[in-house]
Each structure stands twice: as C-alpha cells, then as structure tokens.
PDB file of N, CA and C in Angstrom:
ATOM      1  N   MET A   1      29.867 141.190 117.238  1.00  0.00           N
ATOM      2  CA  MET A   1      30.630 140.248 117.984  1.00  0.00           C
ATOM      3  C   MET A   1      32.121 140.334 117.642  1.00  0.00           C
ATOM      4  N   LYS A   2      32.244 140.527 116.337  1.00  0.00           N
ATOM      5  CA  LYS A   2      33.849 140.765 115.782  1.00  0.00           C
ATOM      6  C   LYS A   2      34.412 142.207 116.329  1.00  0.00           C
ATOM      7  N   TYR A   3      33.441 143.068 116.270  1.00  0.00           N
ATOM      8  CA  TYR A   3      33.889 144.477 116.851  1.00  0.00           C
ATOM      9  C   TYR A   3      34.250 144.367 118.288  1.00  0.00           C
ATOM     10  N   LEU A   4      33.451 143.618 119.090  1.00  0.00           N
ATOM     11  CA  LEU A   4      33.643 143.425 120.525  1.00  0.00           C
ATOM     12  C   LEU A   4      35.154 142.646 120.817  1.00  0.00           C
ATOM     13  N   LEU A   5      35.172 141.619 119.932  1.00  0.00           N
ATOM     14  CA  LEU A   5      36.503 140.781 120.119  1.00  0.00           C
ATOM     15  C   LEU A   5      37.551 141.757 119.833  1.00  0.00           C
ATOM     16  N   SER A   6      37.629 142.747 118.678  1.00  0.00           N
ATOM     17  CA  SER A   6      38.602 143.416 118.309  1.00  0.00           C
ATOM     18  C   SER A   6      38.846 144.423 119.561  1.00  0.00           C
ATOM     19  N   LEU A   7      37.763 145.136 119.966  1.00  0.00           N
ATOM     20  CA  LEU A   7      38.024 146.083 120.983  1.00  0.00           C
ATOM     21  C   LEU A   7      38.632 145.506 122.164  1.00  0.00           C
ATOM     22  N   CYS A   8      38.215 144.373 122.496  1.00  0.00           N
ATOM     23  CA  CYS A   8      38.896 143.613 123.848  1.00  0.00           C
ATOM     24  C   CYS A   8      40.403 143.181 123.411  1.00  0.00           C
ATOM     25  N   ALA A   9      40.628 142.979 122.477  1.00  0.00           N
ATOM     26  CA  ALA A   9      42.091 142.811 121.804  1.00  0.00           C
ATOM     27  C   ALA A   9      42.806 143.894 122.070  1.00  0.00           C
ATOM     28  N   VAL A  10      42.374 144.949 121.469  1.00  0.00           N
ATOM     29  CA  VAL A  10      43.102 146.379 121.405  1.00  0.00           C
ATOM     30  C   VAL A  10      43.089 146.784 123.085  1.00  0.00           C
ATOM     31  N   LEU A  11      42.142 146.584 123.888  1.00  0.00           N
ATOM     32  CA  LEU A  11      42.212 146.982 125.221  1.00  0.00           C
ATOM     33  C   LEU A  11      43.264 145.973 126.022  1.00  0.00           C
ATOM     34  N   LEU A  12      43.347 144.921 125.752  1.00  0.00           N
ATOM     35  CA  LEU A  12      44.195 143.927 126.279  1.00  0.00           C
ATOM     36  C   LEU A  12      45.762 144.375 125.985  1.00  0.00           C
ATOM     37  N   ILE A  13      45.888 144.653 124.851  1.00  0.00           N
ATOM     38  CA  ILE A  13      47.317 145.010 124.263  1.00  0.00           C
ATOM     39  C   ILE A  13      47.730 146.217 124.938  1.00  0.00           C
ATOM     40  N   THR A  14      46.662 147.371 124.925  1.00  0.00           N
ATOM     41  CA  THR A  14      46.958 148.598 125.538  1.00  0.00           C
ATOM     42  C   THR A  14      47.354 148.382 127.033  1.00  0.00           C
ATOM     43  N   VAL A  15      46.449 147.651 127.813  1.00  0.00           N
ATOM     44  CA  VAL A  15      46.734 147.372 129.366  1.00  0.00           C
ATOM     45  C   VAL A  15      48.043 146.821 129.574  1.00  0.00           C
ATOM     46  N   SER A  16      48.256 145.653 128.698  1.00  0.00           N
ATOM     47  CA  SER A  16      49.471 144.824 128.779  1.00  0.00           C
ATOM     48  C   SER A  16      50.853 145.762 128.704  1.00  0.00           C
ATOM     49  N   THR A  17      50.836 146.679 127.740  1.00  0.00           N
ATOM     50  CA  THR A  17      52.029 147.404 127.435  1.00  0.00           C
ATOM     51  C   THR A  17      52.264 148.587 128.184  1.00  0.00           C
ATOM     52  N   VAL A  18      51.225 148.870 129.112  1.00  0.00           N
ATOM     53  CA  VAL A  18      51.344 149.999 130.078  1.00  0.00           C
ATOM     54  C   VAL A  18      52.210 149.444 131.340  1.00  0.00           C
ATOM     55  N   GLY A  19      51.793 148.217 131.633  1.00  0.00           N
ATOM     56  CA  GLY A  19      52.465 147.469 132.705  1.00  0.00           C
ATOM     57  C   GLY A  19      54.001 147.310 132.481  1.00  0.00           C
ATOM     58  N   PHE A  20      54.388 147.386 131.078  1.00  0.00           N
ATOM     59  CA  PHE A  20      55.714 147.143 130.816  1.00  0.00           C
ATOM     60  C   PHE A  20      56.567 148.472 130.541  1.00  0.00           C
ATOM     61  N   ALA A  21      55.903 149.703 130.790  1.00  0.00           N
ATOM     62  CA  ALA A  21      56.635 150.925 130.797  1.00  0.00           C
ATOM     63  C   ALA A  21      57.807 150.957 131.676  1.00  0.00           C
ATOM     64  N   LEU A  22      58.973 151.448 130.957  1.00  0.00           N
ATOM     65  CA  LEU A  22      60.313 151.548 131.654  1.00  0.00           C
ATOM     66  C   LEU A  22      60.214 152.528 132.740  1.00  0.00           C
ATOM     67  N   ASP A  23      60.648 152.095 133.825  1.00  0.00           N
ATOM     68  CA  ASP A  23      61.006 153.167 135.006  1.00  0.00           C
ATOM     69  C   ASP A  23      62.520 153.307 135.221  1.00  0.00           C
ATOM     70  N   LEU A  24      62.939 154.294 135.925  1.00  0.00           N
ATOM     71  CA  LEU A  24      64.394 154.442 136.153  1.00  0.00           C
ATOM     72  C   LEU A  24      65.148 153.202 136.714  1.00  0.00           C
ATOM     73  N   GLN A  25      64.770 152.607 137.742  1.00  0.00           N
ATOM     74  CA  GLN A  25      65.370 151.457 138.370  1.00  0.00           C
ATOM     75  C   GLN A  25      65.514 150.359 137.270  1.00  0.00           C
ATOM     76  N   SER A  26      64.477 150.175 136.525  1.00  0.00           N
ATOM     77  CA  SER A  26      64.612 149.037 135.570  1.00  0.00           C
ATOM     78  C   SER A  26      65.541 149.400 134.494  1.00  0.00           C
ATOM     79  N   ALA A  27      65.769 150.699 134.036  1.00  0.00           N
ATOM     80  CA  ALA A  27      66.674 151.267 132.970  1.00  0.00           C
ATOM     81  C   ALA A  27      68.016 150.976 133.668  1.00  0.00           C
ATOM     82  N   LYS A  28      68.213 151.467 134.815  1.00  0.00           N
ATOM     83  CA  LYS A  28      69.630 151.325 135.382  1.00  0.00           C
ATOM     84  C   LYS A  28      69.875 149.645 135.452  1.00  0.00           C
ATOM     85  N   ASN A  29      69.042 148.840 135.901  1.00  0.00           N
ATOM     86  CA  ASN A  29      69.364 147.530 136.106  1.00  0.00           C
ATOM     87  C   ASN A  29      69.685 146.816 134.715  1.00  0.00           C
ATOM     88  N   LYS A  30      69.057 147.358 133.658  1.00  0.00           N
ATOM     89  CA  LYS A  30      69.372 146.774 132.259  1.00  0.00           C
ATOM     90  C   LYS A  30      70.308 147.346 131.802  1.00  0.00           C
ATOM     91  N   GLY A  31      71.141 148.345 132.340  1.00  0.00           N
ATOM     92  CA  GLY A  31      72.374 148.896 131.806  1.00  0.00           C
ATOM     93  C   GLY A  31      72.139 150.083 130.657  1.00  0.00           C
ATOM     94  N   LEU A  32      70.742 150.389 130.597  1.00  0.00           N
ATOM     95  CA  LEU A  32      70.418 151.401 129.700  1.00  0.00           C
ATOM     96  C   LEU A  32      70.677 152.819 130.038  1.00  0.00           C
ATOM     97  N   VAL A  33      70.745 153.321 131.308  1.00  0.00           N
ATOM     98  CA  VAL A  33      71.131 154.559 131.725  1.00  0.00           C
ATOM     99  C   VAL A  33      72.208 154.327 133.049  1.00  0.00           C
ATOM    100  N   GLY A  34      72.863 155.465 133.189  1.00  0.00           N
ATOM    101  CA  GLY A  34      73.759 155.442 134.246  1.00  0.00           C
ATOM    102  C   GLY A  34      73.983 156.892 134.804  1.00  0.00           C
ATOM    103  N   GLU A  35      74.441 156.966 135.982  1.00  0.00           N
ATOM    104  CA  GLU A  35      74.676 158.393 136.558  1.00  0.00           C
ATOM    105  C   GLU A  35      76.004 159.149 136.107  1.00  0.00           C
ATOM    106  N   THR A  36      76.028 160.390 135.914  1.00  0.00           N
ATOM    107  CA  THR A  36      77.151 161.164 135.395  1.00  0.00           C
ATOM    108  C   THR A  36      77.609 162.180 136.479  1.00  0.00           C
ATOM    109  N   PRO A  37      78.914 162.416 136.426  1.00  0.00           N
ATOM    110  CA  PRO A  37      79.305 163.463 137.514  1.00  0.00           C
ATOM    111  C   PRO A  37      78.645 164.841 137.301  1.00  0.00           C
ATOM    112  N   SER A  38      77.946 165.009 136.260  1.00  0.00           N
ATOM    113  CA  SER A  38      77.198 166.384 136.022  1.00  0.00           C
ATOM    114  C   SER A  38      75.804 166.256 136.813  1.00  0.00           C
ATOM    115  N   GLY A  39      75.407 165.226 137.519  1.00  0.00           N
ATOM    116  CA  GLY A  39      74.171 164.973 138.094  1.00  0.00           C
ATOM    117  C   GLY A  39      72.901 164.786 137.167  1.00  0.00           C
ATOM    118  N   TYR A  40      73.385 164.109 135.972  1.00  0.00           N
ATOM    119  CA  TYR A  40      72.104 163.826 135.023  1.00  0.00           C
ATOM    120  C   TYR A  40      72.477 162.262 134.630  1.00  0.00           C
ATOM    121  N   LEU A  41      71.414 161.914 134.035  1.00  0.00           N
ATOM    122  CA  LEU A  41      71.382 160.544 133.430  1.00  0.00           C
ATOM    123  C   LEU A  41      71.896 160.623 132.044  1.00  0.00           C
ATOM    124  N   ALA A  42      72.408 159.462 131.569  1.00  0.00           N
ATOM    125  CA  ALA A  42      73.022 159.510 130.134  1.00  0.00           C
ATOM    126  C   ALA A  42      73.125 157.944 129.923  1.00  0.00           C
ATOM    127  N   ALA A  43      73.003 157.541 128.603  1.00  0.00           N
ATOM    128  CA  ALA A  43      73.171 156.122 128.158  1.00  0.00           C
ATOM    129  C   ALA A  43      74.532 155.813 127.889  1.00  0.00           C
ATOM    130  N   PRO A  44      75.068 154.734 128.780  1.00  0.00           N
ATOM    131  CA  PRO A  44      76.281 154.186 128.762  1.00  0.00           C
ATOM    132  C   PRO A  44      76.800 153.838 127.339  1.00  0.00           C
ATOM    133  N   SER A  45      75.743 153.254 126.568  1.00  0.00           N
ATOM    134  CA  SER A  45      76.211 152.785 125.188  1.00  0.00           C
ATOM    135  C   SER A  45      76.376 153.845 124.152  1.00  0.00           C
ATOM    136  N   GLY A  46      75.840 155.073 124.693  1.00  0.00           N
ATOM    137  CA  GLY A  46      75.892 156.251 123.756  1.00  0.00           C
ATOM    138  C   GLY A  46      74.786 156.363 122.867  1.00  0.00           C
ATOM    139  N   THR A  47      73.895 155.239 122.682  1.00  0.00           N
ATOM    140  CA  THR A  47      72.557 155.270 122.067  1.00  0.00           C
ATOM    141  C   THR A  47      71.611 154.721 123.011  1.00  0.00           C
ATOM    142  N   ALA A  48      70.416 155.209 122.487  1.00  0.00           N
ATOM    143  CA  ALA A  48      69.110 154.751 123.269  1.00  0.00           C
ATOM    144  C   ALA A  48      67.970 154.810 122.587  1.00  0.00           C
ATOM    145  N   SER A  49      66.981 153.890 122.997  1.00  0.00           N
ATOM    146  CA  SER A  49      65.734 153.705 122.313  1.00  0.00           C
ATOM    147  C   SER A  49      64.869 155.068 122.717  1.00  0.00           C
ATOM    148  N   THR A  50      64.002 155.266 121.747  1.00  0.00           N
ATOM    149  CA  THR A  50      62.940 156.315 122.207  1.00  0.00           C
ATOM    150  C   THR A  50      62.604 156.438 123.455  1.00  0.00           C
ATOM    151  N   GLU A  51      62.083 155.286 124.015  1.00  0.00           N
ATOM    152  CA  GLU A  51      61.570 155.210 125.352  1.00  0.00           C
ATOM    153  C   GLU A  51      62.696 155.534 126.396  1.00  0.00           C
ATOM    154  N   VAL A  52      63.840 155.063 126.171  1.00  0.00           N
ATOM    155  CA  VAL A  52      64.917 155.487 127.184  1.00  0.00           C
ATOM    156  C   VAL A  52      65.253 156.857 127.095  1.00  0.00           C
ATOM    157  N   LYS A  53      65.283 157.539 125.935  1.00  0.00           N
ATOM    158  CA  LYS A  53      65.447 158.818 125.622  1.00  0.00           C
ATOM    159  C   LYS A  53      64.436 159.743 126.305  1.00  0.00           C
ATOM    160  N   ALA A  54      62.999 159.388 126.173  1.00  0.00           N
ATOM    161  CA  ALA A  54      62.130 159.967 126.758  1.00  0.00           C
ATOM    162  C   ALA A  54      62.329 160.044 128.441  1.00  0.00           C
ATOM    163  N   LEU A  55      62.701 158.876 128.939  1.00  0.00           N
ATOM    164  CA  LEU A  55      62.826 158.748 130.302  1.00  0.00           C
ATOM    165  C   LEU A  55      63.766 159.647 130.775  1.00  0.00           C
ATOM    166  N   MET A  56      65.052 159.642 129.954  1.00  0.00           N
ATOM    167  CA  MET A  56      66.310 160.370 130.544  1.00  0.00           C
ATOM    168  C   MET A  56      65.838 161.888 130.513  1.00  0.00           C
ATOM    169  N   LYS A  57      65.067 162.082 129.454  1.00  0.00           N
ATOM    170  CA  LYS A  57      64.799 163.523 129.087  1.00  0.00           C
ATOM    171  C   LYS A  57      63.825 164.003 130.438  1.00  0.00           C
ATOM    172  N   ASP A  58      62.846 163.192 130.767  1.00  0.00           N
ATOM    173  CA  ASP A  58      61.968 163.666 131.752  1.00  0.00           C
ATOM    174  C   ASP A  58      62.611 163.627 133.112  1.00  0.00           C
ATOM    175  N   ILE A  59      63.435 162.705 133.487  1.00  0.00           N
ATOM    176  CA  ILE A  59      64.120 162.914 134.805  1.00  0.00           C
ATOM    177  C   ILE A  59      65.213 163.942 134.928  1.00  0.00           C
ATOM    178  N   ASN A  60      65.864 164.084 133.760  1.00  0.00           N
ATOM    179  CA  ASN A  60      66.967 165.080 133.548  1.00  0.00           C
ATOM    180  C   ASN A  60      66.313 166.576 133.734  1.00  0.00           C
ATOM    181  N   ALA A  61      65.159 166.788 133.206  1.00  0.00           N
ATOM    182  CA  ALA A  61      64.324 168.023 133.427  1.00  0.00           C
ATOM    183  C   ALA A  61      63.950 168.215 134.766  1.00  0.00           C
ATOM    184  N   LYS A  62      63.372 167.177 135.301  1.00  0.00           N
ATOM    185  CA  LYS A  62      63.106 167.433 136.676  1.00  0.00           C
ATOM    186  C   LYS A  62      64.316 167.494 137.767  1.00  0.00           C
ATOM    187  N   ARG A  63      65.329 166.823 137.501  1.00  0.00           N
ATOM    188  CA  ARG A  63      66.443 167.203 138.136  1.00  0.00           C
ATOM    189  C   ARG A  63      67.007 168.567 138.101  1.00  0.00           C
ATOM    190  N   LYS A  64      67.085 169.066 136.943  1.00  0.00           N
ATOM    191  CA  LYS A  64      67.573 170.391 136.575  1.00  0.00           C
ATOM    192  C   LYS A  64      66.631 171.287 137.281  1.00  0.00           C
ATOM    193  N   ALA A  65      65.218 171.254 137.344  1.00  0.00           N
ATOM    194  CA  ALA A  65      64.363 172.287 137.938  1.00  0.00           C
ATOM    195  C   ALA A  65      64.858 172.096 139.512  1.00  0.00           C
ATOM    196  N   LYS A  66      65.082 170.855 139.979  1.00  0.00           N
ATOM    197  CA  LYS A  66      65.292 170.792 141.527  1.00  0.00           C
ATOM    198  C   LYS A  66      66.766 171.438 141.767  1.00  0.00           C
ATOM    199  N   TYR A  67      67.589 171.210 140.794  1.00  0.00           N
ATOM    200  CA  TYR A  67      68.911 171.928 141.188  1.00  0.00           C
ATOM    201  C   TYR A  67      69.059 173.164 141.049  1.00  0.00           C
ATOM    202  N   THR A  68      68.223 173.833 140.256  1.00  0.00           N
ATOM    203  CA  THR A  68      67.943 175.181 140.058  1.00  0.00           C
ATOM    204  C   THR A  68      67.453 175.784 141.285  1.00  0.00           C
ATOM    205  N   GLU A  69      66.407 175.304 141.840  1.00  0.00           N
ATOM    206  CA  GLU A  69      65.654 175.692 143.046  1.00  0.00           C
ATOM    207  C   GLU A  69      66.870 175.576 144.164  1.00  0.00           C
ATOM    208  N   VAL A  70      67.544 174.636 144.391  1.00  0.00           N
ATOM    209  CA  VAL A  70      68.537 174.360 145.347  1.00  0.00           C
ATOM    210  C   VAL A  70      69.536 175.404 145.149  1.00  0.00           C
ATOM    211  N   ALA A  71      69.959 175.623 143.978  1.00  0.00           N
ATOM    212  CA  ALA A  71      71.059 176.592 143.844  1.00  0.00           C
ATOM    213  C   ALA A  71      70.704 178.060 144.374  1.00  0.00           C
ATOM    214  N   ALA A  72      69.508 178.425 143.922  1.00  0.00           N
ATOM    215  CA  ALA A  72      68.989 179.763 144.384  1.00  0.00           C
ATOM    216  C   ALA A  72      68.675 179.765 145.755  1.00  0.00           C
ATOM    217  N   LYS A  73      68.520 178.669 146.410  1.00  0.00           N
ATOM    218  CA  LYS A  73      68.206 178.805 147.941  1.00  0.00           C
ATOM    219  C   LYS A  73      69.386 178.977 148.821  1.00  0.00           C
ATOM    220  N   VAL A  74      70.444 178.256 148.171  1.00  0.00           N
ATOM    221  CA  VAL A  74      71.616 178.223 149.121  1.00  0.00           C
ATOM    222  C   VAL A  74      72.707 179.158 148.369  1.00  0.00           C
ATOM    223  N   GLY A  75      72.427 179.979 147.422  1.00  0.00           N
ATOM    224  CA  GLY A  75      73.234 180.878 146.862  1.00  0.00           C
ATOM    225  C   GLY A  75      74.459 180.623 146.174  1.00  0.00           C
ATOM    226  N   LYS A  76      74.300 179.284 145.482  1.00  0.00           N
ATOM    227  CA  LYS A  76      75.454 178.704 144.882  1.00  0.00           C
ATOM    228  C   LYS A  76      75.232 178.591 143.228  1.00  0.00           C
ATOM    229  N   SER A  77      76.120 178.514 142.523  1.00  0.00           N
ATOM    230  CA  SER A  77      75.837 178.417 141.075  1.00  0.00           C
ATOM    231  C   SER A  77      75.259 176.983 140.764  1.00  0.00           C
ATOM    232  N   LEU A  78      74.449 177.092 139.719  1.00  0.00           N
ATOM    233  CA  LEU A  78      73.923 175.706 139.245  1.00  0.00           C
ATOM    234  C   LEU A  78      74.953 174.741 139.070  1.00  0.00           C
ATOM    235  N   ALA A  79      76.058 174.998 138.282  1.00  0.00           N
ATOM    236  CA  ALA A  79      77.157 174.228 138.137  1.00  0.00           C
ATOM    237  C   ALA A  79      77.603 173.370 139.323  1.00  0.00           C
ATOM    238  N   ILE A  80      77.753 174.254 140.400  1.00  0.00           N
ATOM    239  CA  ILE A  80      78.148 173.587 141.862  1.00  0.00           C
ATOM    240  C   ILE A  80      77.159 172.563 142.257  1.00  0.00           C
ATOM    241  N   VAL A  81      75.977 172.949 142.226  1.00  0.00           N
ATOM    242  CA  VAL A  81      74.955 171.965 142.727  1.00  0.00           C
ATOM    243  C   VAL A  81      74.819 170.884 141.764  1.00  0.00           C
ATOM    244  N   GLU A  82      74.927 171.134 140.535  1.00  0.00           N
ATOM    245  CA  GLU A  82      74.946 169.681 139.627  1.00  0.00           C
ATOM    246  C   GLU A  82      76.098 168.831 139.932  1.00  0.00           C
ATOM    247  N   GLN A  83      77.274 169.442 140.110  1.00  0.00           N
ATOM    248  CA  GLN A  83      78.356 168.675 140.529  1.00  0.00           C
ATOM    249  C   GLN A  83      78.298 167.728 141.819  1.00  0.00           C
ATOM    250  N   LEU A  84      77.776 168.526 142.810  1.00  0.00           N
ATOM    251  CA  LEU A  84      77.646 167.902 144.174  1.00  0.00           C
ATOM    252  C   LEU A  84      76.540 166.823 143.964  1.00  0.00           C
ATOM    253  N   ALA A  85      75.453 167.101 143.330  1.00  0.00           N
ATOM    254  CA  ALA A  85      74.382 166.164 142.963  1.00  0.00           C
ATOM    255  C   ALA A  85      74.896 164.768 142.319  1.00  0.00           C
ATOM    256  N   GLY A  86      75.805 165.063 141.359  1.00  0.00           N
ATOM    257  CA  GLY A  86      76.492 164.011 140.487  1.00  0.00           C
ATOM    258  C   GLY A  86      77.172 163.047 141.428  1.00  0.00           C
ATOM    259  N   GLN A  87      78.010 163.801 142.320  1.00  0.00           N
ATOM    260  CA  GLN A  87      78.862 162.844 143.294  1.00  0.00           C
ATOM    261  C   GLN A  87      77.941 162.137 144.053  1.00  0.00           C
ATOM    262  N   LYS A  88      76.908 162.699 144.740  1.00  0.00           N
ATOM    263  CA  LYS A  88      76.081 161.984 145.669  1.00  0.00           C
ATOM    264  C   LYS A  88      75.324 160.829 144.774  1.00  0.00           C
ATOM    265  N   ALA A  89      74.816 161.020 143.690  1.00  0.00           N
ATOM    266  CA  ALA A  89      74.135 160.088 142.949  1.00  0.00           C
ATOM    267  C   ALA A  89      75.173 158.856 142.538  1.00  0.00           C
ATOM    268  N   ILE A  90      76.361 159.259 142.253  1.00  0.00           N
ATOM    269  CA  ILE A  90      77.291 158.012 142.117  1.00  0.00           C
ATOM    270  C   ILE A  90      77.514 157.309 143.274  1.00  0.00           C
ATOM    271  N   GLU A  91      77.776 158.019 144.434  1.00  0.00           N
ATOM    272  CA  GLU A  91      78.079 157.413 145.696  1.00  0.00           C
ATOM    273  C   GLU A  91      76.873 156.500 145.978  1.00  0.00           C
ATOM    274  N   LYS A  92      75.726 156.827 145.839  1.00  0.00           N
ATOM    275  CA  LYS A  92      74.383 156.131 145.999  1.00  0.00           C
ATOM    276  C   LYS A  92      74.065 155.000 145.136  1.00  0.00           C
ATOM    277  N   THR A  93      74.844 155.014 143.882  1.00  0.00           N
ATOM    278  CA  THR A  93      74.650 153.881 143.026  1.00  0.00           C
ATOM    279  C   THR A  93      75.079 152.615 143.407  1.00  0.00           C
ATOM    280  N   LYS A  94      74.174 151.519 143.306  1.00  0.00           N
ATOM    281  CA  LYS A  94      74.544 150.230 143.794  1.00  0.00           C
ATOM    282  C   LYS A  94      75.554 149.569 142.932  1.00  0.00           C
ATOM    283  N   PRO A  95      76.262 148.458 143.495  1.00  0.00           N
ATOM    284  CA  PRO A  95      77.220 147.943 142.686  1.00  0.00           C
ATOM    285  C   PRO A  95      76.752 147.185 141.536  1.00  0.00           C
ATOM    286  N   GLY A  96      77.401 147.190 140.402  1.00  0.00           N
ATOM    287  CA  GLY A  96      76.926 146.500 139.279  1.00  0.00           C
ATOM    288  C   GLY A  96      76.092 147.412 138.285  1.00  0.00           C
ATOM    289  N   LEU A  97      75.951 148.486 138.682  1.00  0.00           N
ATOM    290  CA  LEU A  97      75.292 149.636 137.894  1.00  0.00           C
ATOM    291  C   LEU A  97      76.268 150.462 137.313  1.00  0.00           C
ATOM    292  N   TYR A  98      75.905 151.137 136.156  1.00  0.00           N
ATOM    293  CA  TYR A  98      76.811 152.051 135.437  1.00  0.00           C
ATOM    294  C   TYR A  98      76.696 153.410 136.052  1.00  0.00           C
ATOM    295  N   ILE A  99      78.185 153.983 136.195  1.00  0.00           N
ATOM    296  CA  ILE A  99      78.442 155.174 136.595  1.00  0.00           C
ATOM    297  C   ILE A  99      79.573 155.780 135.362  1.00  0.00           C
ATOM    298  N   GLN A 100      79.396 157.053 135.253  1.00  0.00           N
ATOM    299  CA  GLN A 100      80.417 157.642 134.335  1.00  0.00           C
ATOM    300  C   GLN A 100      81.538 158.298 135.013  1.00  0.00           C
ATOM    301  N   GLN A 101      82.729 157.965 134.785  1.00  0.00           N
ATOM    302  CA  GLN A 101      83.939 158.541 135.314  1.00  0.00           C
ATOM    303  C   GLN A 101      84.058 159.966 135.010  1.00  0.00           C
ATOM    304  N   ALA A 102      85.075 160.763 135.719  1.00  0.00           N
ATOM    305  CA  ALA A 102      85.114 162.182 135.326  1.00  0.00           C
ATOM    306  C   ALA A 102      85.795 162.230 133.946  1.00  0.00           C
ATOM    307  N   SER A 103      86.598 161.152 133.539  1.00  0.00           N
ATOM    308  CA  SER A 103      87.238 161.074 132.200  1.00  0.00           C
ATOM    309  C   SER A 103      86.074 160.810 131.197  1.00  0.00           C
ATOM    310  N   GLY A 104      85.021 160.584 131.449  1.00  0.00           N
ATOM    311  CA  GLY A 104      84.119 160.297 130.351  1.00  0.00           C
ATOM    312  C   GLY A 104      83.814 158.795 130.301  1.00  0.00           C
ATOM    313  N   HIS A 105      84.596 157.874 130.724  1.00  0.00           N
ATOM    314  CA  HIS A 105      84.376 156.403 130.452  1.00  0.00           C
ATOM    315  C   HIS A 105      83.446 155.872 131.265  1.00  0.00           C
ATOM    316  N   TRP A 106      82.628 154.961 130.944  1.00  0.00           N
ATOM    317  CA  TRP A 106      81.615 154.369 131.707  1.00  0.00           C
ATOM    318  C   TRP A 106      82.101 153.039 132.272  1.00  0.00           C
ATOM    319  N   VAL A 107      81.750 152.826 133.591  1.00  0.00           N
ATOM    320  CA  VAL A 107      82.167 151.503 134.412  1.00  0.00           C
ATOM    321  C   VAL A 107      81.021 151.108 135.132  1.00  0.00           C
ATOM    322  N   LYS A 108      81.021 149.723 135.514  1.00  0.00           N
ATOM    323  CA  LYS A 108      80.135 149.372 136.434  1.00  0.00           C
ATOM    324  C   LYS A 108      80.655 149.461 137.795  1.00  0.00           C
ATOM    325  N   LYS A 109      79.925 150.067 138.797  1.00  0.00           N
ATOM    326  CA  LYS A 109      80.519 150.350 140.077  1.00  0.00           C
ATOM    327  C   LYS A 109      80.552 149.072 140.664  1.00  0.00           C
TER     328      LYS A 109
END
C-alpha cells in the first residue's frame, strides 16, 4: 500500500510538472526571452535558467535550420536572411514584450 501511494505521488508530481513546461509565448510574456535583430532569441536580463536556456537553444537551432534552407533557396547569404527574419520578428512582437535594439539595448516594445 505504501509503495502504491508513493508511486501515485511520483506520478502526480511528474504529470503536474509536465503541464508547467515553459513555452515560447510564456517565456516572452514573463520577460525571460526577447527577439533580437539577428533573428534569434536571447535573454534580456543577460542570464537565464536552465529551462529558458534549453528553450532558446531549441528554438534558435530550428530557426537557424530554416534560415539556412531559405538562404539556399533564394540565393542569399545566411546573414541577410537572419537580419530580415530579425526585423520581421521584431515587427511582429506584441507591445509590452522585449526586443533588442541594434545598439544591443533591450526595450519593451
């Protein structure tokens, strides 16, 4: 019986923490990540938790793969595609969320 209760407690904790996994929009809303002119995410505070770092790493890797694909398709350099994607991401960022200016300073849009 104690084993069953312990197992149930572990399962409950596991299931409840899965529901709290950080997603991109939540991280942006909390000010943990923001859009940069380079087309990638970064932490406005300069520091990030392991979870936020993992989220940024995953999304930035996917973005880079897509940017590389687009660059090859349109015959432009990766740097140009990254810059254009950065501009577009900043334009699409909702007011109140962080964006990085070309100077490197972070501001709320």
